[in-house]
Amino acid sequence: MSNQAARKNTRGLRGLASLPNRIRDLEAGLLENRQLNRRIAELTDIVTELLIPIADRDDAKVQELLAHYRATTLGS
């Protein structure tokens, strides 16, 4: 095997060795993305829950939902 072929082979092996780290990083990024998407869905639900009572002029329900939202999300 020539020097050039040996160097190419060594680079390929280094690339393979880094795959577990790259996969771990990609999986961590995927998990973070899923958590953010879930959070967006939760916030969308909260906004919907707030808009309906506001439109119905249900101030007690609005205050209840806001209190629940503040207790469960702002401290998180």
N, C-alpha and C. Protein backbone atom coordinates (compact mmCIF):
# COMPACT_ATOMS: atom_id res chain seq x y z
N MET A 1 0.85 -1.17 0.00
CA MET A 1 0.00 0.00 0.00
C MET A 1 0.90 1.24 0.00
N SER A 2 0.55 2.21 -0.83
CA SER A 2 1.35 3.42 -0.92
C SER A 2 1.09 4.32 0.28
N ASN A 3 1.98 5.30 0.47
CA ASN A 3 1.79 6.26 1.56
C ASN A 3 0.46 7.01 1.43
N GLN A 4 0.13 7.38 0.21
CA GLN A 4 -1.11 8.12 -0.01
C GLN A 4 -2.32 7.27 0.36
N ALA A 5 -2.32 6.02 -0.02
CA ALA A 5 -3.42 5.12 0.30
C ALA A 5 -3.51 4.90 1.81
N ALA A 6 -2.36 4.79 2.47
CA ALA A 6 -2.34 4.59 3.92
C ALA A 6 -2.92 5.80 4.64
N ARG A 7 -2.55 7.01 4.16
CA ARG A 7 -3.09 8.23 4.78
C ARG A 7 -4.60 8.32 4.59
N LYS A 8 -5.07 7.96 3.40
CA LYS A 8 -6.50 7.98 3.12
C LYS A 8 -7.23 7.00 4.04
N ASN A 9 -6.65 5.82 4.22
CA ASN A 9 -7.23 4.80 5.08
C ASN A 9 -7.27 5.27 6.53
N THR A 10 -6.22 5.94 6.99
CA THR A 10 -6.16 6.45 8.36
C THR A 10 -7.24 7.51 8.58
N ARG A 11 -7.44 8.40 7.59
CA ARG A 11 -8.50 9.41 7.71
C ARG A 11 -9.87 8.75 7.79
N GLY A 12 -10.07 7.72 7.02
CA GLY A 12 -11.34 7.00 7.05
C GLY A 12 -11.59 6.36 8.40
N LEU A 13 -10.54 5.79 9.00
CA LEU A 13 -10.68 5.17 10.31
C LEU A 13 -10.98 6.20 11.38
N ARG A 14 -10.34 7.36 11.28
CA ARG A 14 -10.62 8.43 12.23
C ARG A 14 -12.07 8.89 12.11
N GLY A 15 -12.55 8.96 10.88
CA GLY A 15 -13.95 9.33 10.66
C GLY A 15 -14.89 8.33 11.29
N LEU A 16 -14.57 7.05 11.16
CA LEU A 16 -15.40 6.01 11.77
C LEU A 16 -15.36 6.09 13.29
N ALA A 17 -14.20 6.41 13.82
CA ALA A 17 -14.06 6.50 15.28
C ALA A 17 -14.89 7.65 15.85
N SER A 18 -15.11 8.69 15.06
CA SER A 18 -15.87 9.83 15.55
C SER A 18 -17.38 9.64 15.41
N LEU A 19 -17.81 8.58 14.72
CA LEU A 19 -19.23 8.37 14.51
C LEU A 19 -20.03 8.23 15.81
N PRO A 20 -19.58 7.49 16.80
CA PRO A 20 -20.37 7.42 18.04
C PRO A 20 -20.61 8.80 18.68
N ASN A 21 -19.60 9.65 18.65
CA ASN A 21 -19.76 11.01 19.19
C ASN A 21 -20.76 11.81 18.37
N ARG A 22 -20.66 11.70 17.05
CA ARG A 22 -21.59 12.43 16.17
C ARG A 22 -23.01 11.93 16.38
N ILE A 23 -23.19 10.63 16.52
CA ILE A 23 -24.52 10.06 16.74
C ILE A 23 -25.08 10.54 18.07
N ARG A 24 -24.24 10.53 19.11
CA ARG A 24 -24.68 11.01 20.42
C ARG A 24 -25.11 12.47 20.35
N ASP A 25 -24.34 13.30 19.66
CA ASP A 25 -24.69 14.71 19.51
C ASP A 25 -25.99 14.89 18.73
N LEU A 26 -26.16 14.12 17.68
CA LEU A 26 -27.40 14.20 16.89
C LEU A 26 -28.61 13.76 17.71
N GLU A 27 -28.44 12.70 18.50
CA GLU A 27 -29.53 12.23 19.35
C GLU A 27 -29.89 13.27 20.41
N ALA A 28 -28.88 13.93 20.96
CA ALA A 28 -29.14 14.98 21.95
C ALA A 28 -29.89 16.15 21.31
N GLY A 29 -29.49 16.51 20.10
CA GLY A 29 -30.18 17.57 19.39
C GLY A 29 -31.62 17.19 19.06
N LEU A 30 -31.83 15.95 18.70
CA LEU A 30 -33.17 15.46 18.41
C LEU A 30 -34.05 15.51 19.66
N LEU A 31 -33.50 15.09 20.78
CA LEU A 31 -34.25 15.13 22.04
C LEU A 31 -34.63 16.57 22.39
N GLU A 32 -33.68 17.48 22.25
CA GLU A 32 -33.97 18.89 22.54
C GLU A 32 -35.06 19.42 21.62
N ASN A 33 -35.00 19.05 20.34
CA ASN A 33 -36.01 19.48 19.38
C ASN A 33 -37.39 18.95 19.76
N ARG A 34 -37.45 17.69 20.17
CA ARG A 34 -38.73 17.11 20.60
C ARG A 34 -39.28 17.84 21.82
N GLN A 35 -38.40 18.16 22.76
CA GLN A 35 -38.85 18.88 23.96
C GLN A 35 -39.38 20.27 23.61
N LEU A 36 -38.70 20.94 22.71
CA LEU A 36 -39.15 22.27 22.29
C LEU A 36 -40.49 22.19 21.56
N ASN A 37 -40.65 21.18 20.70
CA ASN A 37 -41.91 21.01 20.00
C ASN A 37 -43.05 20.72 20.97
N ARG A 38 -42.78 19.90 21.98
CA ARG A 38 -43.80 19.62 22.99
C ARG A 38 -44.15 20.90 23.74
N ARG A 39 -43.16 21.70 24.05
CA ARG A 39 -43.40 22.95 24.78
C ARG A 39 -44.25 23.91 23.94
N ILE A 40 -43.96 23.98 22.65
CA ILE A 40 -44.76 24.83 21.76
C ILE A 40 -46.21 24.35 21.74
N ALA A 41 -46.41 23.04 21.68
CA ALA A 41 -47.77 22.49 21.70
C ALA A 41 -48.49 22.82 23.00
N GLU A 42 -47.76 22.73 24.11
CA GLU A 42 -48.36 23.06 25.41
C GLU A 42 -48.76 24.54 25.46
N LEU A 43 -47.88 25.40 24.98
CA LEU A 43 -48.18 26.83 24.98
C LEU A 43 -49.36 27.16 24.06
N THR A 44 -49.43 26.48 22.94
CA THR A 44 -50.56 26.67 22.03
C THR A 44 -51.86 26.28 22.72
N ASP A 45 -51.83 25.16 23.45
CA ASP A 45 -53.02 24.73 24.20
C ASP A 45 -53.41 25.77 25.25
N ILE A 46 -52.42 26.31 25.94
CA ILE A 46 -52.69 27.31 26.98
C ILE A 46 -53.31 28.57 26.38
N VAL A 47 -52.76 29.02 25.27
CA VAL A 47 -53.30 30.23 24.62
C VAL A 47 -54.74 29.97 24.20
N THR A 48 -55.00 28.80 23.64
CA THR A 48 -56.37 28.46 23.24
C THR A 48 -57.29 28.44 24.45
N GLU A 49 -56.84 27.83 25.53
CA GLU A 49 -57.65 27.77 26.75
C GLU A 49 -57.95 29.17 27.29
N LEU A 50 -57.00 30.07 27.13
CA LEU A 50 -57.20 31.44 27.62
C LEU A 50 -58.11 32.25 26.71
N LEU A 51 -57.99 32.06 25.41
CA LEU A 51 -58.77 32.88 24.49
C LEU A 51 -60.25 32.56 24.55
N ILE A 52 -60.60 31.32 24.73
CA ILE A 52 -62.02 30.96 24.78
C ILE A 52 -62.71 31.60 25.98
N PRO A 53 -62.17 31.48 27.20
CA PRO A 53 -62.83 32.16 28.34
C PRO A 53 -62.84 33.68 28.19
N ILE A 54 -61.79 34.25 27.60
CA ILE A 54 -61.75 35.70 27.41
C ILE A 54 -62.87 36.10 26.45
N ALA A 55 -63.03 35.34 25.38
CA ALA A 55 -64.09 35.64 24.41
C ALA A 55 -65.47 35.48 25.05
N ASP A 56 -65.59 34.53 25.98
CA ASP A 56 -66.87 34.30 26.67
C ASP A 56 -67.04 35.21 27.88
N ARG A 57 -66.04 36.05 28.16
CA ARG A 57 -66.05 36.96 29.31
C ARG A 57 -66.13 36.20 30.64
N ASP A 58 -65.44 35.07 30.69
CA ASP A 58 -65.42 34.26 31.92
C ASP A 58 -64.15 34.61 32.70
N ASP A 59 -64.20 35.71 33.43
CA ASP A 59 -63.02 36.21 34.14
C ASP A 59 -62.51 35.24 35.20
N ALA A 60 -63.41 34.54 35.87
CA ALA A 60 -62.98 33.58 36.89
C ALA A 60 -62.16 32.46 36.25
N LYS A 61 -62.62 31.98 35.11
CA LYS A 61 -61.89 30.90 34.41
C LYS A 61 -60.54 31.41 33.92
N VAL A 62 -60.50 32.63 33.42
CA VAL A 62 -59.24 33.24 32.96
C VAL A 62 -58.24 33.31 34.11
N GLN A 63 -58.68 33.78 35.26
CA GLN A 63 -57.79 33.89 36.42
C GLN A 63 -57.31 32.51 36.87
N GLU A 64 -58.21 31.54 36.84
CA GLU A 64 -57.83 30.17 37.22
C GLU A 64 -56.77 29.61 36.27
N LEU A 65 -56.98 29.79 34.97
CA LEU A 65 -56.02 29.28 33.99
C LEU A 65 -54.67 30.00 34.10
N LEU A 66 -54.72 31.31 34.32
CA LEU A 66 -53.46 32.06 34.48
C LEU A 66 -52.71 31.61 35.73
N ALA A 67 -53.42 31.38 36.81
CA ALA A 67 -52.77 30.92 38.05
C ALA A 67 -52.14 29.55 37.82
N HIS A 68 -52.85 28.67 37.15
CA HIS A 68 -52.31 27.33 36.86
C HIS A 68 -51.08 27.44 35.96
N TYR A 69 -51.17 28.29 34.94
CA TYR A 69 -50.05 28.48 34.02
C TYR A 69 -48.82 29.01 34.76
N ARG A 70 -49.01 30.00 35.59
CA ARG A 70 -47.89 30.57 36.33
C ARG A 70 -47.26 29.56 37.28
N ALA A 71 -48.09 28.75 37.91
CA ALA A 71 -47.59 27.76 38.87
C ALA A 71 -46.84 26.62 38.18
N THR A 72 -47.26 26.27 36.98
CA THR A 72 -46.66 25.10 36.33
C THR A 72 -45.56 25.43 35.32
N THR A 73 -45.50 26.65 34.83
CA THR A 73 -44.52 26.92 33.78
C THR A 73 -43.47 27.95 34.14
N LEU A 74 -43.83 28.97 34.85
CA LEU A 74 -42.85 30.00 35.14
C LEU A 74 -41.77 29.55 36.11
N GLY A 75 -42.10 28.60 36.94
CA GLY A 75 -41.11 28.06 37.88
C GLY A 75 -40.25 26.96 37.28
N SER A 76 -40.65 26.47 36.09
CA SER A 76 -39.95 25.35 35.46
C SER A 76 -38.64 25.77 34.88
